[in-house]
Amino acid sequence: MKDDFFEMVYEVVRLVPSGRVTSYGAIARYLGTGNSARMVGWAMNKASGNVPAHRVVNSSGLLTGKHHFGTGNVMQELLENEGIRVENDQVVEFKELFWDPAQELGIEDFD
């Protein structure tokens, strides 16, 4: 069950466009499991290189998962390479850059 959930999370995260960010909670709500934001975080921790996990932040735009990218500021650097400004571990203009899968994809688009 957990592996299936993780795969669904990865499918959504792969759809987040470059230069945009989403949140753990938005992914959980989109998948119909609104109370599982922490589980989405665990999925991001286990994600492979083909999942742009750096585009998933907390609901305030904080880079709470940055320690899972190793040493330094890898998560911030990946975001900045996509044109996203980060200051004090927080996405600048988070609301403008936020990508909500429920609005962008619609429920019927996810299979």
Protein backbone atom coordinates (compact mmCIF):
# COMPACT_ATOMS: atom_id res chain seq x y z
CA MET A 1 0.00 0.00 0.00
CA LYS A 2 2.75 2.46 0.96
CA ASP A 3 4.65 1.77 -2.28
CA ASP A 4 1.48 2.44 -4.31
CA PHE A 5 0.91 5.71 -2.48
CA PHE A 6 4.53 6.76 -3.00
CA GLU A 7 4.23 6.02 -6.74
CA MET A 8 1.07 8.15 -6.96
CA VAL A 9 2.93 10.97 -5.19
CA TYR A 10 5.83 10.66 -7.64
CA GLU A 11 3.45 10.81 -10.61
CA VAL A 12 2.04 14.11 -9.34
CA VAL A 13 5.45 15.59 -8.52
CA ARG A 14 6.73 14.76 -12.00
CA LEU A 15 3.95 17.03 -13.35
CA VAL A 16 5.03 20.11 -11.37
CA PRO A 17 6.41 22.48 -14.01
CA SER A 18 9.92 23.83 -13.80
CA GLY A 19 9.90 27.18 -12.03
CA ARG A 20 6.89 26.28 -9.89
CA VAL A 21 6.47 24.70 -6.45
CA THR A 22 3.79 22.75 -4.67
CA SER A 23 3.31 21.57 -1.09
CA TYR A 24 3.12 18.25 0.69
CA GLY A 25 -0.45 19.03 1.75
CA ALA A 26 -1.60 20.01 -1.74
CA ILE A 27 -0.38 16.68 -3.09
CA ALA A 28 -2.06 14.79 -0.24
CA ARG A 29 -5.36 16.61 -0.82
CA TYR A 30 -5.18 15.96 -4.55
CA LEU A 31 -4.72 12.25 -3.89
CA GLY A 32 -7.75 12.28 -1.60
CA THR A 33 -5.69 11.77 1.56
CA GLY A 34 -5.67 15.27 3.01
CA ASN A 35 -4.24 14.21 6.36
CA SER A 36 -1.21 12.48 4.85
CA ALA A 37 1.08 15.44 4.12
CA ARG A 38 3.74 13.86 6.32
CA MET A 39 3.53 10.65 4.27
CA VAL A 40 4.09 12.74 1.12
CA GLY A 41 7.22 14.07 2.85
CA TRP A 42 8.41 10.52 3.48
CA ALA A 43 7.84 9.75 -0.19
CA MET A 44 9.96 12.76 -1.15
CA ASN A 45 12.70 11.50 1.15
CA LYS A 46 12.74 8.19 -0.76
CA ALA A 47 12.40 9.73 -4.25
CA SER A 48 14.88 8.89 -6.98
CA GLY A 49 16.58 11.33 -9.32
CA ASN A 50 13.73 11.28 -11.84
CA VAL A 51 11.36 12.92 -9.34
CA PRO A 52 11.84 16.70 -8.93
CA ALA A 53 11.42 16.54 -5.15
CA HIS A 54 13.03 19.97 -4.77
CA ARG A 55 9.78 21.49 -6.07
CA VAL A 56 7.85 20.27 -3.00
CA VAL A 57 7.94 22.56 0.03
CA ASN A 58 5.77 23.09 3.08
CA SER A 59 2.54 25.08 3.03
CA SER A 60 4.41 28.32 3.82
CA GLY A 61 7.03 27.84 1.14
CA LEU A 62 9.75 26.73 3.55
CA LEU A 63 12.38 24.26 2.35
CA THR A 64 11.67 21.86 5.19
CA GLY A 65 13.01 18.88 3.21
CA LYS A 66 16.35 20.47 2.39
CA HIS A 67 18.33 18.19 4.72
CA HIS A 68 17.36 15.22 2.53
CA PHE A 69 19.38 16.66 -0.35
CA GLY A 70 22.70 16.12 1.39
CA THR A 71 25.10 18.81 2.48
CA GLY A 72 25.01 22.43 1.48
CA ASN A 73 22.09 24.15 -0.15
CA VAL A 74 21.34 21.65 -2.93
CA MET A 75 17.56 22.07 -2.74
CA GLN A 76 17.86 25.85 -2.86
CA GLU A 77 20.34 25.67 -5.74
CA LEU A 78 18.02 23.41 -7.75
CA LEU A 79 15.16 25.85 -7.25
CA GLU A 80 17.31 28.85 -8.09
CA ASN A 81 18.46 27.10 -11.30
CA GLU A 82 14.78 27.16 -12.30
CA GLY A 83 14.48 30.88 -11.59
CA ILE A 84 12.91 30.56 -8.13
CA ARG A 85 14.28 32.98 -5.54
CA VAL A 86 14.88 31.59 -2.07
CA GLU A 87 15.73 33.68 0.98
CA ASN A 88 16.22 32.29 4.48
CA ASP A 89 15.12 28.82 3.34
CA GLN A 90 11.81 30.18 2.02
CA VAL A 91 10.50 30.53 -1.53
CA VAL A 92 10.08 34.22 -2.37
CA GLU A 93 6.71 34.91 -4.02
CA PHE A 94 5.48 31.49 -2.92
CA LYS A 95 1.80 32.27 -3.56
CA GLU A 96 2.52 33.35 -7.13
CA LEU A 97 4.67 30.28 -7.86
CA PHE A 98 2.40 27.79 -6.10
CA TRP A 99 1.17 24.96 -8.33
CA ASP A 100 -1.97 23.32 -6.95
CA PRO A 101 -2.53 19.92 -8.58
CA ALA A 102 -6.26 20.02 -7.81
CA GLN A 103 -6.64 23.22 -9.84
CA GLU A 104 -4.03 22.50 -12.49
CA LEU A 105 -4.89 18.88 -13.21
CA GLY A 106 -8.41 18.29 -12.02
CA ILE A 107 -9.36 14.97 -10.46
CA GLU A 108 -10.30 13.31 -13.74
CA ASP A 109 -6.80 13.85 -15.17
CA PHE A 110 -5.05 11.64 -12.63
CA ASP A 111 -5.07 7.91 -13.42
